C-alpha atoms as a PDB file:
ATOM      1  CA  MET A   1      83.400 118.849 102.077  1.00  0.00           C
ATOM      2  CA  LYS A   2      80.638 116.687 103.235  1.00  0.00           C
ATOM      3  CA  LYS A   3      80.385 116.057 106.974  1.00  0.00           C
ATOM      4  CA  THR A   4      81.491 112.424 107.159  1.00  0.00           C
ATOM      5  CA  SER A   5      84.333 110.349 109.034  1.00  0.00           C
ATOM      6  CA  CYS A   6      86.094 106.911 108.141  1.00  0.00           C
ATOM      7  CA  PRO A   7      84.038 104.129 109.685  1.00  0.00           C
ATOM      8  CA  GLN A   8      87.183 101.992 109.900  1.00  0.00           C
ATOM      9  CA  CYS A   9      90.116 104.735 110.952  1.00  0.00           C
ATOM     10  CA  GLY A  10      87.947 107.503 111.958  1.00  0.00           C
ATOM     11  CA  LEU A  11      89.552 110.342 110.294  1.00  0.00           C
ATOM     12  CA  SER A  12      86.917 113.107 110.104  1.00  0.00           C
ATOM     13  CA  ALA A  13      86.132 115.163 106.548  1.00  0.00           C
ATOM     14  CA  ALA A  14      87.836 118.214 108.471  1.00  0.00           C
ATOM     15  CA  GLU A  15      90.954 116.513 109.098  1.00  0.00           C
ATOM     16  CA  PHE A  16      91.452 115.330 105.423  1.00  0.00           C
ATOM     17  CA  GLY A  17      90.945 118.765 104.187  1.00  0.00           C
ATOM     18  CA  GLU A  18      93.328 120.228 106.560  1.00  0.00           C
ATOM     19  CA  SER A  19      95.846 117.497 105.992  1.00  0.00           C
ATOM     20  CA  GLY A  20      95.148 116.356 102.106  1.00  0.00           C
ATOM     21  CA  GLN A  21      96.156 112.723 103.225  1.00  0.00           C
ATOM     22  CA  LEU A  22      93.667 109.630 103.853  1.00  0.00           C
ATOM     23  CA  GLY A  23      94.169 107.309 106.949  1.00  0.00           C
ATOM     24  CA  CYS A  24      93.367 104.121 105.276  1.00  0.00           C
ATOM     25  CA  ALA A  25      92.487 102.166 102.527  1.00  0.00           C
ATOM     26  CA  ALA A  26      88.604 102.583 103.642  1.00  0.00           C
ATOM     27  CA  CYS A  27      88.855 106.446 103.279  1.00  0.00           C
ATOM     28  CA  TYR A  28      88.297 106.156  99.725  1.00  0.00           C
ATOM     29  CA  ARG A  29      85.177 104.999 100.135  1.00  0.00           C
ATOM     30  CA  ALA A  30      84.033 107.117 102.816  1.00  0.00           C
ATOM     31  CA  PHE A  31      85.570 110.335 101.131  1.00  0.00           C
ATOM     32  CA  GLU A  32      84.467 109.163  97.526  1.00  0.00           C
ATOM     33  CA  GLU A  33      82.262 112.121  96.669  1.00  0.00           C
ATOM     34  CA  THR A  34      84.816 114.374  97.338  1.00  0.00           C
ATOM     35  CA  LEU A  35      87.797 111.893  95.906  1.00  0.00           C
ATOM     36  CA  VAL A  36      86.337 111.312  92.715  1.00  0.00           C
ATOM     37  CA  PRO A  37      86.015 115.098  91.269  1.00  0.00           C
ATOM     38  CA  LEU A  38      89.341 115.882  92.758  1.00  0.00           C
ATOM     39  CA  PHE A  39      91.105 112.856  91.033  1.00  0.00           C
ATOM     40  CA  LYS A  40      89.609 114.290  87.654  1.00  0.00           C
ATOM     41  CA  GLN A  41      90.996 117.461  88.435  1.00  0.00           C
ATOM     42  CA  ILE A  42      94.149 116.858  89.458  1.00  0.00           C
ATOM     43  CA  HIS A  43      94.916 113.751  86.922  1.00  0.00           C
ATOM     44  CA  GLY A  44      92.628 114.470  84.104  1.00  0.00           C
ATOM     45  CA  ASN A  45      90.998 110.963  85.117  1.00  0.00           C
ATOM     46  CA  GLU A  46      89.212 109.297  87.839  1.00  0.00           C
ATOM     47  CA  PHE A  47      91.249 105.918  87.053  1.00  0.00           C
ATOM     48  CA  HIS A  48      94.764 104.792  87.082  1.00  0.00           C
ATOM     49  CA  ARG A  49      95.896 103.959  83.955  1.00  0.00           C
ATOM     50  CA  GLY A  50      99.528 102.485  84.708  1.00  0.00           C
ATOM     51  CA  LYS A  51     103.039 103.916  84.385  1.00  0.00           C
ATOM     52  CA  VAL A  52     103.105 103.972  80.233  1.00  0.00           C
ATOM     53  CA  PRO A  53     101.640 107.048  78.991  1.00  0.00           C
ATOM     54  CA  VAL A  54      98.862 105.816  76.677  1.00  0.00           C
ATOM     55  CA  SER A  55     100.145 108.619  74.061  1.00  0.00           C
ATOM     56  CA  ASP A  56     103.780 106.610  73.413  1.00  0.00           C
ATOM     57  CA  PRO A  57     102.509 102.515  72.483  1.00  0.00           C
ATOM     58  CA  SER A  58     105.500 102.447  70.978  1.00  0.00           C
ATOM     59  CA  ARG A  59     107.331 102.395  74.484  1.00  0.00           C
ATOM     60  CA  GLN A  60     105.128  99.835  75.759  1.00  0.00           C
ATOM     61  CA  LYS A  61     105.125  97.423  72.877  1.00  0.00           C
ATOM     62  CA  MET A  62     109.418  97.808  72.834  1.00  0.00           C
ATOM     63  CA  ARG A  63     109.364  97.179  77.012  1.00  0.00           C
ATOM     64  CA  ARG A  64     107.077  93.949  76.242  1.00  0.00           C
ATOM     65  CA  GLU A  65     109.248  92.634  73.216  1.00  0.00           C
ATOM     66  CA  LEU A  66     112.445  92.903  76.009  1.00  0.00           C
ATOM     67  CA  ILE A  67     110.627  91.255  78.603  1.00  0.00           C
ATOM     68  CA  ASP A  68     109.731  88.437  76.082  1.00  0.00           C
ATOM     69  CA  LEU A  69     113.448  88.118  74.717  1.00  0.00           C
ATOM     70  CA  ARG A  70     114.922  88.183  78.340  1.00  0.00           C
ATOM     71  CA  ARG A  71     112.496  85.040  78.957  1.00  0.00           C
ATOM     72  CA  ALA A  72     113.476  83.449  76.033  1.00  0.00           C
ATOM     73  CA  LEU A  73     117.113  84.201  76.440  1.00  0.00           C
ATOM     74  CA  LYS A  74     116.730  82.510  79.960  1.00  0.00           C
ATOM     75  CA  LYS A  75     115.386  79.027  78.367  1.00  0.00           C
ATOM     76  CA  ALA A  76     117.706  79.179  75.654  1.00  0.00           C
ATOM     77  CA  VAL A  77     120.802  79.024  77.824  1.00  0.00           C
ATOM     78  CA  GLY A  78     118.995  76.492  79.847  1.00  0.00           C
ATOM     79  CA  ARG A  79     118.480  74.159  76.938  1.00  0.00           C
ATOM     80  CA  GLU A  80     122.805  75.093  76.162  1.00  0.00           C
ATOM     81  CA  ALA A  81     121.092  76.412  72.850  1.00  0.00           C
ATOM     82  CA  TYR A  82     123.762  78.839  73.307  1.00  0.00           C
ATOM     83  CA  GLU A  83     123.690  80.434  69.394  1.00  0.00           C
ATOM     84  CA  GLN A  84     120.444  80.799  69.714  1.00  0.00           C
ATOM     85  CA  ALA A  85     121.346  82.951  73.205  1.00  0.00           C
ATOM     86  CA  ALA A  86     123.746  84.949  71.661  1.00  0.00           C
ATOM     87  CA  ASN A  87     121.577  86.006  69.052  1.00  0.00           C
ATOM     88  CA  LEU A  88     118.678  86.924  71.551  1.00  0.00           C
ATOM     89  CA  ARG A  89     121.558  88.902  74.017  1.00  0.00           C
ATOM     90  CA  ASP A  90     122.307  90.921  70.775  1.00  0.00           C
ATOM     91  CA  ARG A  91     118.898  91.375  70.016  1.00  0.00           C
ATOM     92  CA  ILE A  92     118.241  92.978  73.605  1.00  0.00           C
ATOM     93  CA  ASN A  93     121.645  95.014  73.536  1.00  0.00           C
ATOM     94  CA  GLU A  94     119.818  96.759  70.222  1.00  0.00           C
ATOM     95  CA  LEU A  95     117.082  97.743  71.863  1.00  0.00           C
ATOM     96  CA  GLU A  96     118.286  98.469  74.931  1.00  0.00           C
ATOM     97  CA  ARG A  97     120.739 100.569  72.922  1.00  0.00           C
ATOM     98  CA  GLY A  98     118.084 102.306  71.395  1.00  0.00           C
ATOM     99  CA  THR A  99     116.339 102.859  74.451  1.00  0.00           C
ATOM    100  CA  ASP A 100     119.016 104.671  75.861  1.00  0.00           C
ATOM    101  CA  ARG A 101     119.033 107.219  72.852  1.00  0.00           C
ATOM    102  CA  GLN A 102     115.374 107.848  73.113  1.00  0.00           C
ATOM    103  CA  GLN A 103     115.853 109.032  76.443  1.00  0.00           C
ATOM    104  CA  VAL A 104     118.896 110.735  75.603  1.00  0.00           C
ATOM    105  CA  ALA A 105     117.340 112.751  72.578  1.00  0.00           C
ATOM    106  CA  HIS A 106     113.635 113.325  74.748  1.00  0.00           C
ATOM    107  CA  GLY A 107     114.775 113.698  77.991  1.00  0.00           C
END
């Protein structure tokens, strides 16, 4: 490991090597040469790609649709468009039940 320390918190490379914990946000820059290969080795990539796996775009699409439907439901209730709100509620329930079934089948 390169002999360096964080200019902000003073954490040394040796301390990082022993504990495996960084002292502050500036440590990411100070130990970048060590961290980037480590991230690639552990996570397969050096960048965070989000919580939804890239391999399952259908789940991401369903989550987005649920968010949009909930917003539309709130607006429909605000406009007192109760028939539309009921249809939106039913669609939300259908999607959520489908999600529950998928989680049971895959979990």
